[in-house]
Amino acid sequence: MAAEPAQLAWWQPLVSAVVGVLLGFCLAEGRSFFARRRKYSSYWGALDAEIEFARGAAQGLLDENVAAPLGTLPDTCYQSCFPELLSEGVLSAEEATALMTFYEGVSTLNRGLERALNAINDPERHAEYGRNRVKAKRLIKGGAAYEAAKAAIQRHIK
């Protein structure tokens, strides 16, 4: 004698469907969550490396006493990563302000370095160099812009 199949209660197929939908949603969202997390982690690492490189270049400007060096400070990572971090809501207002302040200092110093390089005479070049030294001091260890930007990044790097 064959056993009769058990009769399902009316709610069991409904629960099965809801569990399946929730499981599928969690798997799909979990994958994208971890992908975003990895991407943002790489952005923070790149910004940290770039800030350290810029800090070193600013310190070099102060240490080497060269009025018109040929190189400028980098801002490539900031240009590509910051807009996405900002639009995705990853940055707090304080962190965004700290990074914008640091990179505004980088931009201002880069303009000053170009002005020093293009100066027509030595007095003009040395005047620009004096202004550039003031700008560079904000971007080195102990400088307000550097310390704030570094603290903002360290909150996200583990």
N, C-alpha and C. Protein backbone atom coordinates (compact mmCIF):
# COMPACT_ATOMS: atom_id res chain seq x y z
N MET A 1 0.82 -1.15 0.00
CA MET A 1 0.00 0.00 0.00
C MET A 1 0.89 1.24 0.00
N ALA A 2 0.65 2.14 -0.90
CA ALA A 2 1.45 3.34 -1.04
C ALA A 2 0.99 4.39 -0.05
N ALA A 3 1.98 5.10 0.48
CA ALA A 3 1.66 6.16 1.44
C ALA A 3 1.13 7.37 0.70
N GLU A 4 0.15 7.99 1.29
CA GLU A 4 -0.43 9.17 0.69
C GLU A 4 0.47 10.36 0.96
N PRO A 5 0.64 11.25 -0.06
CA PRO A 5 1.45 12.44 0.19
C PRO A 5 0.77 13.31 1.24
N ALA A 6 1.62 13.92 2.09
CA ALA A 6 1.09 14.76 3.16
C ALA A 6 0.49 16.03 2.54
N GLN A 7 -0.59 16.44 3.07
CA GLN A 7 -1.26 17.65 2.60
C GLN A 7 -0.57 18.85 3.23
N LEU A 8 -0.17 19.84 2.40
CA LEU A 8 0.47 21.05 2.90
C LEU A 8 -0.58 22.01 3.41
N ALA A 9 -0.21 22.68 4.50
CA ALA A 9 -1.10 23.71 5.01
C ALA A 9 -1.09 24.87 4.02
N TRP A 10 -2.13 25.69 4.04
CA TRP A 10 -2.29 26.77 3.07
C TRP A 10 -1.14 27.77 3.12
N TRP A 11 -0.50 27.96 4.27
CA TRP A 11 0.51 28.98 4.46
C TRP A 11 1.92 28.50 4.11
N GLN A 12 2.14 27.20 4.03
CA GLN A 12 3.49 26.68 3.79
C GLN A 12 4.07 27.10 2.43
N PRO A 13 3.35 27.07 1.34
CA PRO A 13 3.93 27.55 0.07
C PRO A 13 4.22 29.05 0.11
N LEU A 14 3.38 29.79 0.81
CA LEU A 14 3.59 31.23 0.93
C LEU A 14 4.88 31.52 1.71
N VAL A 15 5.09 30.82 2.81
CA VAL A 15 6.30 30.99 3.61
C VAL A 15 7.52 30.57 2.81
N SER A 16 7.42 29.50 2.07
CA SER A 16 8.55 29.04 1.24
C SER A 16 8.92 30.10 0.20
N ALA A 17 7.92 30.69 -0.41
CA ALA A 17 8.19 31.73 -1.43
C ALA A 17 8.83 32.96 -0.80
N VAL A 18 8.32 33.39 0.35
CA VAL A 18 8.88 34.57 1.03
C VAL A 18 10.32 34.30 1.46
N VAL A 19 10.59 33.14 2.01
CA VAL A 19 11.95 32.78 2.42
C VAL A 19 12.88 32.76 1.22
N GLY A 20 12.41 32.23 0.11
CA GLY A 20 13.23 32.19 -1.11
C GLY A 20 13.54 33.58 -1.63
N VAL A 21 12.54 34.45 -1.61
CA VAL A 21 12.75 35.83 -2.07
C VAL A 21 13.74 36.54 -1.16
N LEU A 22 13.57 36.40 0.15
CA LEU A 22 14.48 37.04 1.10
C LEU A 22 15.90 36.51 0.97
N LEU A 23 16.04 35.22 0.79
CA LEU A 23 17.37 34.63 0.63
C LEU A 23 18.03 35.15 -0.65
N GLY A 24 17.29 35.21 -1.74
CA GLY A 24 17.84 35.73 -3.00
C GLY A 24 18.24 37.19 -2.87
N PHE A 25 17.39 37.98 -2.22
CA PHE A 25 17.69 39.40 -2.01
C PHE A 25 18.96 39.56 -1.17
N CYS A 26 19.06 38.81 -0.09
CA CYS A 26 20.24 38.92 0.79
C CYS A 26 21.52 38.52 0.06
N LEU A 27 21.45 37.48 -0.74
CA LEU A 27 22.63 37.05 -1.48
C LEU A 27 23.06 38.11 -2.49
N ALA A 28 22.10 38.67 -3.22
CA ALA A 28 22.42 39.69 -4.22
C ALA A 28 22.95 40.96 -3.57
N GLU A 29 22.27 41.43 -2.54
CA GLU A 29 22.70 42.65 -1.86
C GLU A 29 24.00 42.44 -1.10
N GLY A 30 24.19 41.27 -0.54
CA GLY A 30 25.43 40.97 0.18
C GLY A 30 26.63 41.04 -0.75
N ARG A 31 26.46 40.51 -1.94
CA ARG A 31 27.55 40.55 -2.92
C ARG A 31 27.90 41.99 -3.28
N SER A 32 26.89 42.82 -3.54
CA SER A 32 27.18 44.21 -3.90
C SER A 32 27.69 45.00 -2.70
N PHE A 33 27.22 44.68 -1.50
CA PHE A 33 27.72 45.34 -0.30
C PHE A 33 29.21 45.11 -0.13
N PHE A 34 29.63 43.85 -0.25
CA PHE A 34 31.05 43.54 -0.08
C PHE A 34 31.90 44.09 -1.22
N ALA A 35 31.33 44.16 -2.43
CA ALA A 35 32.07 44.76 -3.55
C ALA A 35 32.28 46.26 -3.30
N ARG A 36 31.23 46.95 -2.83
CA ARG A 36 31.38 48.38 -2.51
C ARG A 36 32.37 48.57 -1.38
N ARG A 37 32.30 47.72 -0.41
CA ARG A 37 33.21 47.83 0.74
C ARG A 37 34.67 47.68 0.29
N ARG A 38 34.95 46.72 -0.58
CA ARG A 38 36.31 46.55 -1.11
C ARG A 38 36.74 47.76 -1.92
N LYS A 39 35.83 48.29 -2.74
CA LYS A 39 36.15 49.44 -3.57
C LYS A 39 36.46 50.66 -2.70
N TYR A 40 35.62 50.92 -1.72
CA TYR A 40 35.85 52.07 -0.84
C TYR A 40 37.12 51.89 -0.02
N SER A 41 37.39 50.68 0.37
CA SER A 41 38.64 50.41 1.11
C SER A 41 39.85 50.74 0.24
N SER A 42 39.78 50.39 -1.03
CA SER A 42 40.90 50.71 -1.92
C SER A 42 40.99 52.22 -2.15
N TYR A 43 39.86 52.91 -2.20
CA TYR A 43 39.88 54.37 -2.33
C TYR A 43 40.56 55.01 -1.13
N TRP A 44 40.20 54.54 0.07
CA TRP A 44 40.81 55.12 1.28
C TRP A 44 42.31 54.86 1.31
N GLY A 45 42.72 53.67 0.89
CA GLY A 45 44.15 53.36 0.84
C GLY A 45 44.88 54.24 -0.16
N ALA A 46 44.26 54.46 -1.31
CA ALA A 46 44.88 55.32 -2.33
C ALA A 46 44.96 56.76 -1.86
N LEU A 47 43.90 57.27 -1.23
CA LEU A 47 43.94 58.64 -0.70
C LEU A 47 45.00 58.78 0.38
N ASP A 48 45.12 57.76 1.23
CA ASP A 48 46.13 57.80 2.27
C ASP A 48 47.54 57.85 1.67
N ALA A 49 47.79 57.02 0.68
CA ALA A 49 49.10 57.02 0.02
C ALA A 49 49.37 58.36 -0.66
N GLU A 50 48.37 58.91 -1.31
CA GLU A 50 48.55 60.18 -2.00
C GLU A 50 48.82 61.32 -1.02
N ILE A 51 48.12 61.32 0.10
CA ILE A 51 48.34 62.36 1.11
C ILE A 51 49.75 62.25 1.67
N GLU A 52 50.21 61.04 1.89
CA GLU A 52 51.58 60.86 2.39
C GLU A 52 52.61 61.31 1.35
N PHE A 53 52.34 61.03 0.10
CA PHE A 53 53.25 61.46 -0.97
C PHE A 53 53.29 62.98 -1.04
N ALA A 54 52.10 63.60 -0.97
CA ALA A 54 52.02 65.07 -1.00
C ALA A 54 52.72 65.67 0.22
N ARG A 55 52.53 65.05 1.38
CA ARG A 55 53.21 65.52 2.59
C ARG A 55 54.72 65.47 2.40
N GLY A 56 55.22 64.38 1.84
CA GLY A 56 56.65 64.25 1.59
C GLY A 56 57.16 65.29 0.61
N ALA A 57 56.38 65.58 -0.42
CA ALA A 57 56.78 66.60 -1.39
C ALA A 57 56.79 67.98 -0.76
N ALA A 58 55.80 68.27 0.07
CA ALA A 58 55.76 69.57 0.76
C ALA A 58 56.92 69.70 1.74
N GLN A 59 57.23 68.60 2.42
CA GLN A 59 58.38 68.61 3.34
C GLN A 59 59.67 68.81 2.56
N GLY A 60 59.77 68.19 1.40
CA GLY A 60 60.94 68.36 0.55
C GLY A 60 61.12 69.80 0.10
N LEU A 61 60.02 70.46 -0.21
CA LEU A 61 60.08 71.87 -0.59
C LEU A 61 60.68 72.70 0.55
N LEU A 62 60.27 72.38 1.77
CA LEU A 62 60.77 73.12 2.92
C LEU A 62 62.24 72.78 3.22
N ASP A 63 62.60 71.52 3.07
CA ASP A 63 63.94 71.07 3.44
C ASP A 63 65.01 71.41 2.40
N GLU A 64 64.65 71.33 1.14
CA GLU A 64 65.66 71.44 0.07
C GLU A 64 65.93 72.87 -0.37
N ASN A 65 65.09 73.80 0.03
CA ASN A 65 65.35 75.21 -0.25
C ASN A 65 65.49 75.50 -1.74
N VAL A 66 64.63 74.88 -2.54
CA VAL A 66 64.61 75.11 -3.99
C VAL A 66 63.43 76.03 -4.28
N ALA A 67 63.69 77.19 -4.85
CA ALA A 67 62.64 78.18 -5.06
C ALA A 67 61.61 77.75 -6.10
N ALA A 68 62.04 77.04 -7.13
CA ALA A 68 61.12 76.66 -8.21
C ALA A 68 61.36 75.22 -8.63
N PRO A 69 60.91 74.25 -7.82
CA PRO A 69 61.09 72.85 -8.21
C PRO A 69 60.22 72.51 -9.43
N LEU A 70 60.63 71.49 -10.16
CA LEU A 70 59.91 71.14 -11.38
C LEU A 70 58.64 70.35 -11.12
N GLY A 71 58.60 69.59 -10.04
CA GLY A 71 57.44 68.74 -9.78
C GLY A 71 56.34 69.46 -9.03
N THR A 72 55.15 68.86 -9.07
CA THR A 72 54.01 69.36 -8.32
C THR A 72 53.49 68.24 -7.42
N LEU A 73 52.60 68.59 -6.53
CA LEU A 73 52.01 67.61 -5.62
C LEU A 73 50.86 66.90 -6.32
N PRO A 74 50.69 65.61 -6.04
CA PRO A 74 49.65 64.84 -6.74
C PRO A 74 48.25 65.11 -6.18
N ASP A 75 47.25 64.95 -7.05
CA ASP A 75 45.86 65.01 -6.61
C ASP A 75 44.97 64.09 -7.46
N THR A 76 45.57 63.13 -8.12
CA THR A 76 44.85 62.24 -9.02
C THR A 76 43.82 61.39 -8.28
N CYS A 77 44.22 60.81 -7.17
CA CYS A 77 43.28 59.96 -6.40
C CYS A 77 42.12 60.79 -5.87
N TYR A 78 42.43 61.97 -5.41
CA TYR A 78 41.38 62.86 -4.91
C TYR A 78 40.39 63.18 -6.02
N GLN A 79 40.90 63.49 -7.21
CA GLN A 79 40.03 63.84 -8.34
C GLN A 79 39.12 62.69 -8.73
N SER A 80 39.61 61.45 -8.61
CA SER A 80 38.79 60.32 -9.06
C SER A 80 37.99 59.67 -7.93
N CYS A 81 38.51 59.61 -6.71
CA CYS A 81 37.83 58.91 -5.62
C CYS A 81 36.88 59.79 -4.82
N PHE A 82 37.28 61.01 -4.55
CA PHE A 82 36.49 61.87 -3.67
C PHE A 82 35.05 62.09 -4.16
N PRO A 83 34.82 62.38 -5.44
CA PRO A 83 33.44 62.60 -5.88
C PRO A 83 32.53 61.39 -5.63
N GLU A 84 33.05 60.20 -5.84
CA GLU A 84 32.22 59.01 -5.62
C GLU A 84 31.97 58.78 -4.14
N LEU A 85 33.01 58.94 -3.32
CA LEU A 85 32.82 58.79 -1.87
C LEU A 85 31.80 59.80 -1.36
N LEU A 86 31.85 61.01 -1.88
CA LEU A 86 30.94 62.06 -1.47
C LEU A 86 29.50 61.76 -1.93
N SER A 87 29.35 61.37 -3.19
CA SER A 87 28.00 61.12 -3.72
C SER A 87 27.35 59.89 -3.11
N GLU A 88 28.14 58.93 -2.68
CA GLU A 88 27.60 57.72 -2.06
C GLU A 88 27.31 57.89 -0.57
N GLY A 89 27.63 59.05 -0.03
CA GLY A 89 27.35 59.30 1.38
C GLY A 89 28.31 58.61 2.33
N VAL A 90 29.49 58.26 1.85
CA VAL A 90 30.47 57.56 2.67
C VAL A 90 31.18 58.54 3.61
N LEU A 91 31.27 59.80 3.21
CA LEU A 91 31.97 60.82 3.99
C LEU A 91 31.03 61.58 4.91
N SER A 92 31.49 61.83 6.11
CA SER A 92 30.75 62.76 6.97
C SER A 92 31.11 64.18 6.52
N ALA A 93 30.37 65.15 7.00
CA ALA A 93 30.65 66.55 6.64
C ALA A 93 32.05 66.94 7.11
N GLU A 94 32.43 66.49 8.28
CA GLU A 94 33.76 66.81 8.82
C GLU A 94 34.87 66.20 7.97
N GLU A 95 34.68 64.95 7.55
CA GLU A 95 35.68 64.29 6.71
C GLU A 95 35.79 64.95 5.34
N ALA A 96 34.65 65.29 4.77
CA ALA A 96 34.66 65.96 3.46
C ALA A 96 35.38 67.30 3.57
N THR A 97 35.10 68.05 4.62
CA THR A 97 35.76 69.34 4.82
C THR A 97 37.26 69.17 4.99
N ALA A 98 37.67 68.16 5.75
CA ALA A 98 39.10 67.94 5.98
C ALA A 98 39.82 67.60 4.67
N LEU A 99 39.24 66.72 3.88
CA LEU A 99 39.87 66.35 2.60
C LEU A 99 39.87 67.51 1.61
N MET A 100 38.76 68.24 1.54
CA MET A 100 38.71 69.39 0.63
C MET A 100 39.72 70.45 1.05
N THR A 101 39.87 70.67 2.34
CA THR A 101 40.84 71.66 2.83
C THR A 101 42.26 71.26 2.47
N PHE A 102 42.60 69.99 2.69
CA PHE A 102 43.95 69.52 2.36
C PHE A 102 44.22 69.68 0.87
N TYR A 103 43.28 69.20 0.05
CA TYR A 103 43.52 69.24 -1.39
C TYR A 103 43.40 70.64 -1.98
N GLU A 104 42.69 71.53 -1.32
CA GLU A 104 42.72 72.93 -1.75
C GLU A 104 44.11 73.49 -1.48
N GLY A 105 44.71 73.07 -0.36
CA GLY A 105 46.09 73.47 -0.08
C GLY A 105 47.05 72.92 -1.12
N VAL A 106 46.84 71.69 -1.55
CA VAL A 106 47.67 71.08 -2.60
C VAL A 106 47.52 71.88 -3.89
N SER A 107 46.29 72.19 -4.25
CA SER A 107 46.04 72.95 -5.48
C SER A 107 46.67 74.34 -5.43
N THR A 108 46.51 74.99 -4.30
CA THR A 108 47.08 76.33 -4.13
C THR A 108 48.61 76.28 -4.20
N LEU A 109 49.20 75.28 -3.55
CA LEU A 109 50.66 75.15 -3.61
C LEU A 109 51.12 74.84 -5.03
N ASN A 110 50.40 73.99 -5.73
CA ASN A 110 50.76 73.68 -7.11
C ASN A 110 50.72 74.93 -8.00
N ARG A 111 49.70 75.77 -7.80
CA ARG A 111 49.65 77.03 -8.56
C ARG A 111 50.85 77.91 -8.20
N GLY A 112 51.20 77.96 -6.93
CA GLY A 112 52.35 78.75 -6.50
C GLY A 112 53.65 78.21 -7.07
N LEU A 113 53.77 76.90 -7.15
CA LEU A 113 54.99 76.31 -7.73
C LEU A 113 55.10 76.67 -9.20
N GLU A 114 53.98 76.65 -9.90
CA GLU A 114 54.00 77.05 -11.31
C GLU A 114 54.36 78.52 -11.46
N ARG A 115 53.81 79.35 -10.59
CA ARG A 115 54.13 80.78 -10.64
C ARG A 115 55.62 81.01 -10.37
N ALA A 116 56.18 80.27 -9.41
CA ALA A 116 57.61 80.41 -9.12
C ALA A 116 58.45 79.96 -10.31
N LEU A 117 58.03 78.87 -10.94
CA LEU A 117 58.76 78.35 -12.09
C LEU A 117 58.70 79.32 -13.28
N ASN A 118 57.59 80.01 -13.42
CA ASN A 118 57.41 80.94 -14.54
C ASN A 118 57.78 82.39 -14.20
N ALA A 119 58.34 82.59 -13.02
CA ALA A 119 58.71 83.95 -12.61
C ALA A 119 59.75 84.53 -13.57
N ILE A 120 59.61 85.81 -13.83
CA ILE A 120 60.49 86.48 -14.80
C ILE A 120 61.85 86.79 -14.18
N ASN A 121 61.88 87.11 -12.90
CA ASN A 121 63.16 87.47 -12.27
C ASN A 121 63.27 86.83 -10.88
N ASP A 122 64.48 86.92 -10.32
CA ASP A 122 64.74 86.28 -9.02
C ASP A 122 63.93 86.88 -7.87
N PRO A 123 63.78 88.19 -7.76
CA PRO A 123 62.97 88.71 -6.65
C PRO A 123 61.52 88.19 -6.69
N GLU A 124 60.96 88.11 -7.87
CA GLU A 124 59.60 87.58 -8.00
C GLU A 124 59.56 86.10 -7.61
N ARG A 125 60.57 85.34 -8.05
CA ARG A 125 60.65 83.92 -7.74
C ARG A 125 60.80 83.71 -6.24
N HIS A 126 61.63 84.50 -5.59
CA HIS A 126 61.85 84.33 -4.14
C HIS A 126 60.64 84.78 -3.33
N ALA A 127 59.91 85.77 -3.82
CA ALA A 127 58.67 86.18 -3.14
C ALA A 127 57.64 85.04 -3.21
N GLU A 128 57.54 84.42 -4.37
CA GLU A 128 56.61 83.29 -4.52
C GLU A 128 57.06 82.11 -3.66
N TYR A 129 58.37 81.90 -3.60
CA TYR A 129 58.91 80.82 -2.77
C TYR A 129 58.53 81.03 -1.30
N GLY A 130 58.60 82.25 -0.83
CA GLY A 130 58.21 82.54 0.55
C GLY A 130 56.73 82.21 0.79
N ARG A 131 55.88 82.55 -0.15
CA ARG A 131 54.46 82.22 -0.04
C ARG A 131 54.25 80.71 -0.09
N ASN A 132 55.02 80.04 -0.95
CA ASN A 132 54.89 78.59 -1.07
C ASN A 132 55.32 77.87 0.20
N ARG A 133 56.30 78.40 0.89
CA ARG A 133 56.73 77.80 2.16
C ARG A 133 55.60 77.86 3.19
N VAL A 134 54.88 78.96 3.23
CA VAL A 134 53.75 79.08 4.15
C VAL A 134 52.68 78.04 3.80
N LYS A 135 52.40 77.89 2.51
CA LYS A 135 51.41 76.92 2.06
C LYS A 135 51.84 75.49 2.38
N ALA A 136 53.14 75.21 2.18
CA ALA A 136 53.65 73.86 2.41
C ALA A 136 53.59 73.47 3.88
N LYS A 137 53.74 74.42 4.77
CA LYS A 137 53.72 74.12 6.21
C LYS A 137 52.36 73.58 6.66
N ARG A 138 51.30 73.91 5.94
CA ARG A 138 49.96 73.39 6.28
C ARG A 138 49.81 71.92 5.87
N LEU A 139 50.68 71.46 4.95
CA LEU A 139 50.53 70.13 4.37
C LEU A 139 51.51 69.10 4.93
N ILE A 140 52.28 69.47 5.94
CA ILE A 140 53.24 68.54 6.52
C ILE A 140 52.77 68.11 7.90
N LYS A 141 53.46 67.13 8.50
CA LYS A 141 53.11 66.69 9.85
C LYS A 141 53.10 67.88 10.78
N GLY A 142 52.03 67.97 11.55
CA GLY A 142 51.87 69.12 12.43
C GLY A 142 51.05 70.23 11.80
N GLY A 143 50.91 70.22 10.48
CA GLY A 143 50.10 71.21 9.78
C GLY A 143 48.63 70.88 9.93
N ALA A 144 47.80 71.89 10.08
CA ALA A 144 46.38 71.67 10.34
C ALA A 144 45.69 70.88 9.24
N ALA A 145 45.95 71.22 8.00
CA ALA A 145 45.28 70.53 6.89
C ALA A 145 45.69 69.07 6.82
N TYR A 146 46.98 68.79 6.99
CA TYR A 146 47.47 67.40 6.95
C TYR A 146 46.87 66.58 8.09
N GLU A 147 46.91 67.10 9.29
CA GLU A 147 46.44 66.35 10.45
C GLU A 147 44.95 66.04 10.34
N ALA A 148 44.15 66.99 9.88
CA ALA A 148 42.71 66.76 9.74
C ALA A 148 42.42 65.73 8.65
N ALA A 149 43.10 65.83 7.51
CA ALA A 149 42.88 64.88 6.43
C ALA A 149 43.34 63.48 6.83
N LYS A 150 44.46 63.39 7.49
CA LYS A 150 44.98 62.09 7.92
C LYS A 150 44.02 61.44 8.92
N ALA A 151 43.49 62.23 9.85
CA ALA A 151 42.54 61.71 10.83
C ALA A 151 41.26 61.21 10.14
N ALA A 152 40.80 61.95 9.14
CA ALA A 152 39.58 61.54 8.41
C ALA A 152 39.79 60.20 7.71
N ILE A 153 40.95 60.02 7.13
CA ILE A 153 41.24 58.77 6.41
C ILE A 153 41.44 57.62 7.39
N GLN A 154 42.11 57.87 8.49
CA GLN A 154 42.40 56.80 9.45
C GLN A 154 41.12 56.22 10.06
N ARG A 155 40.04 56.97 10.08
CA ARG A 155 38.76 56.44 10.57
C ARG A 155 38.25 55.30 9.69
N HIS A 156 38.68 55.29 8.45
CA HIS A 156 38.17 54.29 7.51
C HIS A 156 39.17 53.17 7.19
N ILE A 157 40.40 53.36 7.56
CA ILE A 157 41.41 52.33 7.29
C ILE A 157 41.57 51.49 8.55
N LYS A 158 41.46 50.21 8.36
CA LYS A 158 41.56 49.31 9.52
C LYS A 158 42.82 48.53 9.49
